[in-house]
Amino acid sequence: MAQGKDSKQAAAGDGLDGGSYEVIHSTQLIAELMEQGKELGLDGFRFYFLGRGGVLGDVDPAVIVAAFGYFSPSVVEVMWDSAKQIMGPREAARAYLACADRFGSGHLDGLDVLDTFNDAAEALIASVDRSALALFAGIAAEPLPDDPAARAYRNVCILRELRGSVHLLAIVATGVSPLVAHAIRRPDDVASFGWETAPDLTDADRSRLDAADALTDQLLVASIAALTDAQRDAFVAGVEAIGAHII
């Protein structure tokens, strides 16, 4: 593979990795999601669980534990089951995605990269084998909005679930428990994810997590390679422009 093509793929991979994560975790969006949740009778945490996981349907909490990773099963069970008493999971998922769509329309309207970014992002998403990537498959199956700005932000949400699902798969495949991975990467957030104590961490755990990161990149290469050079350029430009408007 030519060096120029390698650099384009690396840049696109960076967009899939850090770029989509930072955009999705915008404090502005989080505030709007919390407000929307309150209007629906759900606090922010319950709206997060039910809205994000609702694309999988009315399933048992164990399914959400498997799809999300990282959270204590007891927290997932309480949040999921109590939220379901207020709203159905599929309805919550539609409300959750509609909130993200409104956020995209309000913050990205007028960007000149939207059409080319959407074309590239949707080509990448279409190329992915959904096997073992349930949460990504669920959100990717939802109808896309027509508005280019809302559509671009939805595509970013889908790409975030792609990267997250692939990374969770890679963590399990390399022998790292999601709790250990979480404790290594986010040591200050162990309790907030429902765990009473952090696990003892070893150098072997850190090495396996490094291997999981490498496997994640390897698994995503095929999708990035499916893009043309022009699409890779458009993808990178789109992630950068979207991030500049939101982060």
C-alpha atoms as a PDB file:
ATOM      1  CA  MET A   1       0.000   0.000   0.000  1.00  0.00           C
ATOM      2  CA  ALA A   2       1.372   3.400  -0.879  1.00  0.00           C
ATOM      3  CA  GLN A   3       2.612   5.600   1.951  1.00  0.00           C
ATOM      4  CA  GLY A   4       0.141   8.343   1.010  1.00  0.00           C
ATOM      5  CA  LYS A   5      -2.757   5.932   1.289  1.00  0.00           C
ATOM      6  CA  ASP A   6      -1.446   4.716   4.664  1.00  0.00           C
ATOM      7  CA  SER A   7      -1.402   8.282   5.977  1.00  0.00           C
ATOM      8  CA  LYS A   8      -4.953   8.901   4.737  1.00  0.00           C
ATOM      9  CA  GLN A   9      -6.162   5.744   6.481  1.00  0.00           C
ATOM     10  CA  ALA A  10      -4.355   6.721   9.664  1.00  0.00           C
ATOM     11  CA  ALA A  11      -5.985  10.142   9.625  1.00  0.00           C
ATOM     12  CA  ALA A  12      -9.407   8.581   9.052  1.00  0.00           C
ATOM     13  CA  GLY A  13      -8.727   6.146  11.883  1.00  0.00           C
ATOM     14  CA  ASP A  14      -7.910   9.032  14.201  1.00  0.00           C
ATOM     15  CA  GLY A  15     -11.270  10.547  13.265  1.00  0.00           C
ATOM     16  CA  LEU A  16     -13.030   7.321  14.200  1.00  0.00           C
ATOM     17  CA  ASP A  17     -11.121   7.129  17.470  1.00  0.00           C
ATOM     18  CA  GLY A  18     -10.803  10.418  19.304  1.00  0.00           C
ATOM     19  CA  GLY A  19     -12.877  12.649  17.050  1.00  0.00           C
ATOM     20  CA  SER A  20     -16.229  10.930  17.361  1.00  0.00           C
ATOM     21  CA  TYR A  21     -15.788  10.364  21.090  1.00  0.00           C
ATOM     22  CA  GLU A  22     -15.135  14.028  21.854  1.00  0.00           C
ATOM     23  CA  VAL A  23     -18.042  15.223  19.704  1.00  0.00           C
ATOM     24  CA  ILE A  24     -20.513  12.785  21.262  1.00  0.00           C
ATOM     25  CA  HIS A  25     -19.451  13.719  24.784  1.00  0.00           C
ATOM     26  CA  SER A  26     -19.980  17.432  24.229  1.00  0.00           C
ATOM     27  CA  THR A  27     -21.158  19.043  27.468  1.00  0.00           C
ATOM     28  CA  GLN A  28     -23.741  20.939  25.424  1.00  0.00           C
ATOM     29  CA  LEU A  29     -25.367  17.755  24.171  1.00  0.00           C
ATOM     30  CA  ILE A  30     -25.243  16.134  27.593  1.00  0.00           C
ATOM     31  CA  ALA A  31     -27.106  19.115  29.053  1.00  0.00           C
ATOM     32  CA  GLU A  32     -29.763  18.902  26.335  1.00  0.00           C
ATOM     33  CA  LEU A  33     -30.169  15.154  26.835  1.00  0.00           C
ATOM     34  CA  MET A  34     -30.636  15.647  30.573  1.00  0.00           C
ATOM     35  CA  GLU A  35     -33.282  18.298  29.954  1.00  0.00           C
ATOM     36  CA  GLN A  36     -35.084  16.081  27.456  1.00  0.00           C
ATOM     37  CA  GLY A  37     -34.983  13.201  29.910  1.00  0.00           C
ATOM     38  CA  LYS A  38     -36.616  15.330  32.589  1.00  0.00           C
ATOM     39  CA  GLU A  39     -39.415  16.266  30.201  1.00  0.00           C
ATOM     40  CA  LEU A  40     -40.034  12.557  29.637  1.00  0.00           C
ATOM     41  CA  GLY A  41     -40.032  11.782  33.347  1.00  0.00           C
ATOM     42  CA  LEU A  42     -36.553  10.255  33.301  1.00  0.00           C
ATOM     43  CA  ASP A  43     -33.445  11.570  35.014  1.00  0.00           C
ATOM     44  CA  GLY A  44     -30.351  11.956  32.861  1.00  0.00           C
ATOM     45  CA  PHE A  45     -28.799   8.625  33.820  1.00  0.00           C
ATOM     46  CA  ARG A  46     -31.972   6.624  33.113  1.00  0.00           C
ATOM     47  CA  PHE A  47     -32.514   8.427  29.814  1.00  0.00           C
ATOM     48  CA  TYR A  48     -28.936   7.581  28.856  1.00  0.00           C
ATOM     49  CA  PHE A  49     -29.415   3.876  29.561  1.00  0.00           C
ATOM     50  CA  LEU A  50     -32.867   3.539  28.046  1.00  0.00           C
ATOM     51  CA  GLY A  51     -32.245   5.881  25.116  1.00  0.00           C
ATOM     52  CA  ARG A  52     -28.896   4.460  24.106  1.00  0.00           C
ATOM     53  CA  GLY A  53     -29.812   0.832  24.736  1.00  0.00           C
ATOM     54  CA  GLY A  54     -33.366   1.130  23.434  1.00  0.00           C
ATOM     55  CA  VAL A  55     -32.261   0.388  19.876  1.00  0.00           C
ATOM     56  CA  LEU A  56     -31.921  -3.221  21.067  1.00  0.00           C
ATOM     57  CA  GLY A  57     -35.566  -3.347  22.072  1.00  0.00           C
ATOM     58  CA  ASP A  58     -37.283  -4.494  25.277  1.00  0.00           C
ATOM     59  CA  VAL A  59     -34.544  -6.859  26.409  1.00  0.00           C
ATOM     60  CA  ASP A  60     -33.363  -8.126  29.772  1.00  0.00           C
ATOM     61  CA  PRO A  61     -30.733  -6.029  31.589  1.00  0.00           C
ATOM     62  CA  ALA A  62     -28.098  -8.702  30.949  1.00  0.00           C
ATOM     63  CA  VAL A  63     -28.283  -7.861  27.228  1.00  0.00           C
ATOM     64  CA  ILE A  64     -27.546  -4.202  27.972  1.00  0.00           C
ATOM     65  CA  VAL A  65     -24.660  -5.217  30.243  1.00  0.00           C
ATOM     66  CA  ALA A  66     -23.196  -7.184  27.349  1.00  0.00           C
ATOM     67  CA  ALA A  67     -23.703  -4.379  24.830  1.00  0.00           C
ATOM     68  CA  PHE A  68     -22.489  -1.473  26.978  1.00  0.00           C
ATOM     69  CA  GLY A  69     -19.646  -3.102  28.912  1.00  0.00           C
ATOM     70  CA  TYR A  70     -17.864  -1.272  31.745  1.00  0.00           C
ATOM     71  CA  PHE A  71     -20.931  -0.692  33.961  1.00  0.00           C
ATOM     72  CA  SER A  72     -21.671  -2.791  37.022  1.00  0.00           C
ATOM     73  CA  PRO A  73     -24.486  -5.235  36.178  1.00  0.00           C
ATOM     74  CA  SER A  74     -26.365  -4.170  39.312  1.00  0.00           C
ATOM     75  CA  VAL A  75     -26.421  -0.525  38.168  1.00  0.00           C
ATOM     76  CA  VAL A  76     -27.587  -1.507  34.699  1.00  0.00           C
ATOM     77  CA  GLU A  77     -30.386  -3.627  36.133  1.00  0.00           C
ATOM     78  CA  VAL A  78     -31.660  -0.822  38.380  1.00  0.00           C
ATOM     79  CA  MET A  79     -31.429   1.880  35.725  1.00  0.00           C
ATOM     80  CA  TRP A  80     -32.856  -0.202  32.884  1.00  0.00           C
ATOM     81  CA  ASP A  81     -35.727  -1.819  34.732  1.00  0.00           C
ATOM     82  CA  SER A  82     -36.824   1.348  36.526  1.00  0.00           C
ATOM     83  CA  ALA A  83     -36.639   3.418  33.332  1.00  0.00           C
ATOM     84  CA  LYS A  84     -38.738   0.843  31.470  1.00  0.00           C
ATOM     85  CA  GLN A  85     -41.531   1.442  33.956  1.00  0.00           C
ATOM     86  CA  ILE A  86     -41.772   5.008  32.648  1.00  0.00           C
ATOM     87  CA  MET A  87     -41.204   4.579  28.903  1.00  0.00           C
ATOM     88  CA  GLY A  88     -40.735   1.759  26.428  1.00  0.00           C
ATOM     89  CA  PRO A  89     -37.148   1.220  25.240  1.00  0.00           C
ATOM     90  CA  ARG A  90     -37.904   1.724  21.540  1.00  0.00           C
ATOM     91  CA  GLU A  91     -39.796   4.936  22.262  1.00  0.00           C
ATOM     92  CA  ALA A  92     -36.925   6.162  24.429  1.00  0.00           C
ATOM     93  CA  ALA A  93     -34.432   5.355  21.680  1.00  0.00           C
ATOM     94  CA  ARG A  94     -36.398   7.433  19.189  1.00  0.00           C
ATOM     95  CA  ALA A  95     -36.538  10.341  21.661  1.00  0.00           C
ATOM     96  CA  TYR A  96     -32.812  10.001  22.393  1.00  0.00           C
ATOM     97  CA  LEU A  97     -31.872  10.047  18.719  1.00  0.00           C
ATOM     98  CA  ALA A  98     -34.309  12.883  17.980  1.00  0.00           C
ATOM     99  CA  CYS A  99     -32.561  14.946  20.640  1.00  0.00           C
ATOM    100  CA  ALA A 100     -29.208  14.272  18.992  1.00  0.00           C
ATOM    101  CA  ASP A 101     -30.689  15.150  15.594  1.00  0.00           C
ATOM    102  CA  ARG A 102     -31.953  18.496  16.912  1.00  0.00           C
ATOM    103  CA  PHE A 103     -28.540  19.142  18.396  1.00  0.00           C
ATOM    104  CA  GLY A 104     -26.913  18.484  15.019  1.00  0.00           C
ATOM    105  CA  SER A 105     -29.330  20.751  13.205  1.00  0.00           C
ATOM    106  CA  GLY A 106     -28.777  23.523  15.698  1.00  0.00           C
ATOM    107  CA  HIS A 107     -24.995  23.381  15.760  1.00  0.00           C
ATOM    108  CA  LEU A 108     -23.891  22.197  12.326  1.00  0.00           C
ATOM    109  CA  ASP A 109     -26.296  23.889   9.926  1.00  0.00           C
ATOM    110  CA  GLY A 110     -24.452  25.706   7.150  1.00  0.00           C
ATOM    111  CA  LEU A 111     -21.169  23.755   7.290  1.00  0.00           C
ATOM    112  CA  ASP A 112     -19.971  23.236   3.725  1.00  0.00           C
ATOM    113  CA  VAL A 113     -18.577  19.733   4.419  1.00  0.00           C
ATOM    114  CA  LEU A 114     -21.823  18.041   5.412  1.00  0.00           C
ATOM    115  CA  ASP A 115     -22.797  16.374   2.150  1.00  0.00           C
ATOM    116  CA  THR A 116     -19.354  14.964   1.433  1.00  0.00           C
ATOM    117  CA  PHE A 117     -18.895  13.883   5.044  1.00  0.00           C
ATOM    118  CA  ASN A 118     -22.255  12.115   5.057  1.00  0.00           C
ATOM    119  CA  ASP A 119     -21.412  10.325   1.828  1.00  0.00           C
ATOM    120  CA  ALA A 120     -18.097   9.107   3.249  1.00  0.00           C
ATOM    121  CA  ALA A 121     -19.466   8.212   6.680  1.00  0.00           C
ATOM    122  CA  GLU A 122     -22.373   6.240   5.252  1.00  0.00           C
ATOM    123  CA  ALA A 123     -20.089   4.370   2.875  1.00  0.00           C
ATOM    124  CA  LEU A 124     -17.886   3.414   5.809  1.00  0.00           C
ATOM    125  CA  ILE A 125     -20.855   2.375   7.947  1.00  0.00           C
ATOM    126  CA  ALA A 126     -22.339   0.294   5.122  1.00  0.00           C
ATOM    127  CA  SER A 127     -19.066  -1.602   4.696  1.00  0.00           C
ATOM    128  CA  VAL A 128     -18.976  -2.893   8.286  1.00  0.00           C
ATOM    129  CA  ASP A 129     -19.845  -6.509   9.091  1.00  0.00           C
ATOM    130  CA  ARG A 130     -22.344  -6.206  11.963  1.00  0.00           C
ATOM    131  CA  SER A 131     -21.426  -9.572  13.495  1.00  0.00           C
ATOM    132  CA  ALA A 132     -20.774  -9.296  17.273  1.00  0.00           C
ATOM    133  CA  LEU A 133     -21.454  -5.527  17.198  1.00  0.00           C
ATOM    134  CA  ALA A 134     -25.014  -5.432  18.534  1.00  0.00           C
ATOM    135  CA  LEU A 135     -25.168  -1.830  19.770  1.00  0.00           C
ATOM    136  CA  PHE A 136     -23.645  -0.481  16.569  1.00  0.00           C
ATOM    137  CA  ALA A 137     -25.993  -2.638  14.495  1.00  0.00           C
ATOM    138  CA  GLY A 138     -28.971  -1.349  16.468  1.00  0.00           C
ATOM    139  CA  ILE A 139     -28.300   2.351  15.977  1.00  0.00           C
ATOM    140  CA  ALA A 140     -27.163   1.867  12.374  1.00  0.00           C
ATOM    141  CA  ALA A 141     -30.521   0.245  11.572  1.00  0.00           C
ATOM    142  CA  GLU A 142     -32.464   3.348  12.619  1.00  0.00           C
ATOM    143  CA  PRO A 143     -33.714   5.599   9.763  1.00  0.00           C
ATOM    144  CA  LEU A 144     -31.470   8.586   9.095  1.00  0.00           C
ATOM    145  CA  PRO A 145     -32.861  12.136   9.183  1.00  0.00           C
ATOM    146  CA  ASP A 146     -33.049  14.043   5.896  1.00  0.00           C
ATOM    147  CA  ASP A 147     -31.587  17.322   7.171  1.00  0.00           C
ATOM    148  CA  PRO A 148     -27.833  17.279   6.310  1.00  0.00           C
ATOM    149  CA  ALA A 149     -26.747  18.740   9.654  1.00  0.00           C
ATOM    150  CA  ALA A 150     -28.881  16.333  11.690  1.00  0.00           C
ATOM    151  CA  ARG A 151     -27.754  13.479   9.456  1.00  0.00           C
ATOM    152  CA  ALA A 152     -24.087  14.342   9.949  1.00  0.00           C
ATOM    153  CA  TYR A 153     -24.431  14.306  13.711  1.00  0.00           C
ATOM    154  CA  ARG A 154     -26.373  11.042  13.587  1.00  0.00           C
ATOM    155  CA  ASN A 155     -23.568   9.538  11.523  1.00  0.00           C
ATOM    156  CA  VAL A 156     -21.092  10.660  14.175  1.00  0.00           C
ATOM    157  CA  CYS A 157     -23.240   8.910  16.799  1.00  0.00           C
ATOM    158  CA  ILE A 158     -23.273   5.723  14.727  1.00  0.00           C
ATOM    159  CA  LEU A 159     -19.516   5.875  14.221  1.00  0.00           C
ATOM    160  CA  ARG A 160     -19.026   6.317  17.947  1.00  0.00           C
ATOM    161  CA  GLU A 161     -20.993   3.129  18.594  1.00  0.00           C
ATOM    162  CA  LEU A 162     -18.979   1.383  15.887  1.00  0.00           C
ATOM    163  CA  ARG A 163     -15.681   2.226  17.518  1.00  0.00           C
ATOM    164  CA  GLY A 164     -17.036   1.484  20.991  1.00  0.00           C
ATOM    165  CA  SER A 165     -18.483  -1.882  19.990  1.00  0.00           C
ATOM    166  CA  VAL A 166     -15.316  -2.937  18.183  1.00  0.00           C
ATOM    167  CA  HIS A 167     -13.156  -1.894  21.120  1.00  0.00           C
ATOM    168  CA  LEU A 168     -15.318  -3.816  23.600  1.00  0.00           C
ATOM    169  CA  LEU A 169     -15.042  -6.881  21.360  1.00  0.00           C
ATOM    170  CA  ALA A 170     -11.255  -6.460  21.215  1.00  0.00           C
ATOM    171  CA  ILE A 171     -11.017  -6.072  24.999  1.00  0.00           C
ATOM    172  CA  VAL A 172     -12.828  -9.347  25.588  1.00  0.00           C
ATOM    173  CA  ALA A 173     -10.865 -11.094  22.829  1.00  0.00           C
ATOM    174  CA  THR A 174      -7.521 -10.155  24.386  1.00  0.00           C
ATOM    175  CA  GLY A 175      -8.501 -11.382  27.834  1.00  0.00           C
ATOM    176  CA  VAL A 176      -9.163  -8.076  29.589  1.00  0.00           C
ATOM    177  CA  SER A 177     -12.356  -7.721  31.596  1.00  0.00           C
ATOM    178  CA  PRO A 178     -14.300  -4.536  30.845  1.00  0.00           C
ATOM    179  CA  LEU A 179     -13.956  -3.542  34.517  1.00  0.00           C
ATOM    180  CA  VAL A 180     -10.166  -3.800  34.354  1.00  0.00           C
ATOM    181  CA  ALA A 181     -10.057  -1.868  31.090  1.00  0.00           C
ATOM    182  CA  HIS A 182     -12.271   0.819  32.587  1.00  0.00           C
ATOM    183  CA  ALA A 183     -10.147   1.069  35.732  1.00  0.00           C
ATOM    184  CA  ILE A 184      -6.993   1.521  33.666  1.00  0.00           C
ATOM    185  CA  ARG A 185      -8.405   4.180  31.341  1.00  0.00           C
ATOM    186  CA  ARG A 186     -10.788   5.976  33.718  1.00  0.00           C
ATOM    187  CA  PRO A 187      -9.587   5.293  37.261  1.00  0.00           C
ATOM    188  CA  ASP A 188     -11.601   8.175  38.705  1.00  0.00           C
ATOM    189  CA  ASP A 189     -14.866   6.809  37.286  1.00  0.00           C
ATOM    190  CA  VAL A 190     -14.942   3.321  38.766  1.00  0.00           C
ATOM    191  CA  ALA A 191     -17.465   4.189  41.476  1.00  0.00           C
ATOM    192  CA  SER A 192     -19.664   6.251  39.152  1.00  0.00           C
ATOM    193  CA  PHE A 193     -20.046   3.170  36.948  1.00  0.00           C
ATOM    194  CA  GLY A 194     -21.405   1.230  39.916  1.00  0.00           C
ATOM    195  CA  TRP A 195     -18.351  -0.677  41.146  1.00  0.00           C
ATOM    196  CA  GLU A 196     -17.667  -0.628  44.882  1.00  0.00           C
ATOM    197  CA  THR A 197     -13.913  -1.062  44.572  1.00  0.00           C
ATOM    198  CA  ALA A 198     -11.355  -0.822  41.794  1.00  0.00           C
ATOM    199  CA  PRO A 199      -9.607  -4.051  40.820  1.00  0.00           C
ATOM    200  CA  ASP A 200      -5.907  -4.621  41.397  1.00  0.00           C
ATOM    201  CA  LEU A 201      -4.155  -3.807  38.136  1.00  0.00           C
ATOM    202  CA  THR A 202      -1.047  -5.489  36.777  1.00  0.00           C
ATOM    203  CA  ASP A 203       1.453  -4.782  34.031  1.00  0.00           C
ATOM    204  CA  ALA A 204      -0.012  -7.785  32.221  1.00  0.00           C
ATOM    205  CA  ASP A 205      -3.447  -6.124  32.287  1.00  0.00           C
ATOM    206  CA  ARG A 206      -1.983  -2.972  30.761  1.00  0.00           C
ATOM    207  CA  SER A 207      -0.180  -4.965  28.091  1.00  0.00           C
ATOM    208  CA  ARG A 208      -3.361  -6.810  27.164  1.00  0.00           C
ATOM    209  CA  LEU A 209      -5.258  -3.524  26.937  1.00  0.00           C
ATOM    210  CA  ASP A 210      -2.556  -2.169  24.618  1.00  0.00           C
ATOM    211  CA  ALA A 211      -3.081  -5.293  22.509  1.00  0.00           C
ATOM    212  CA  ALA A 212      -6.831  -4.616  22.520  1.00  0.00           C
ATOM    213  CA  ASP A 213      -6.203  -1.086  21.242  1.00  0.00           C
ATOM    214  CA  ALA A 214      -4.081  -2.460  18.414  1.00  0.00           C
ATOM    215  CA  LEU A 215      -6.719  -5.082  17.566  1.00  0.00           C
ATOM    216  CA  THR A 216      -9.395  -2.365  17.511  1.00  0.00           C
ATOM    217  CA  ASP A 217      -7.408  -0.416  14.946  1.00  0.00           C
ATOM    218  CA  GLN A 218      -6.831  -3.583  12.927  1.00  0.00           C
ATOM    219  CA  LEU A 219     -10.532  -4.436  12.868  1.00  0.00           C
ATOM    220  CA  LEU A 220     -11.472  -0.940  11.719  1.00  0.00           C
ATOM    221  CA  VAL A 221      -8.911  -0.824   8.902  1.00  0.00           C
ATOM    222  CA  ALA A 222     -11.086  -2.775   6.475  1.00  0.00           C
ATOM    223  CA  SER A 223     -13.914  -0.244   6.739  1.00  0.00           C
ATOM    224  CA  ILE A 224     -11.581   2.710   6.303  1.00  0.00           C
ATOM    225  CA  ALA A 225      -9.910   0.962   3.375  1.00  0.00           C
ATOM    226  CA  ALA A 226     -13.322   0.637   1.698  1.00  0.00           C
ATOM    227  CA  LEU A 227     -13.364   4.403   1.160  1.00  0.00           C
ATOM    228  CA  THR A 228     -11.875   6.093  -1.857  1.00  0.00           C
ATOM    229  CA  ASP A 229      -9.094   8.628  -1.345  1.00  0.00           C
ATOM    230  CA  ALA A 230     -11.602  11.427  -1.884  1.00  0.00           C
ATOM    231  CA  GLN A 231     -13.972   9.912   0.678  1.00  0.00           C
ATOM    232  CA  ARG A 232     -11.184   9.531   3.235  1.00  0.00           C
ATOM    233  CA  ASP A 233     -10.255  13.173   2.752  1.00  0.00           C
ATOM    234  CA  ALA A 234     -13.905  14.188   3.093  1.00  0.00           C
ATOM    235  CA  PHE A 235     -14.298  12.043   6.201  1.00  0.00           C
ATOM    236  CA  VAL A 236     -11.304  13.605   7.937  1.00  0.00           C
ATOM    237  CA  ALA A 237     -12.329  17.130   6.913  1.00  0.00           C
ATOM    238  CA  GLY A 238     -15.845  16.504   8.166  1.00  0.00           C
ATOM    239  CA  VAL A 239     -14.767  15.185  11.568  1.00  0.00           C
ATOM    240  CA  GLU A 240     -12.432  18.139  12.017  1.00  0.00           C
ATOM    241  CA  ALA A 241     -15.060  20.709  10.998  1.00  0.00           C
ATOM    242  CA  ILE A 242     -17.784  19.131  13.140  1.00  0.00           C
ATOM    243  CA  GLY A 243     -15.455  18.952  16.098  1.00  0.00           C
ATOM    244  CA  ALA A 244     -14.448  22.602  15.712  1.00  0.00           C
ATOM    245  CA  HIS A 245     -18.115  23.631  15.967  1.00  0.00           C
ATOM    246  CA  ILE A 246     -19.000  21.483  18.951  1.00  0.00           C
ATOM    247  CA  ILE A 247     -16.034  20.634  21.151  1.00  0.00           C
END
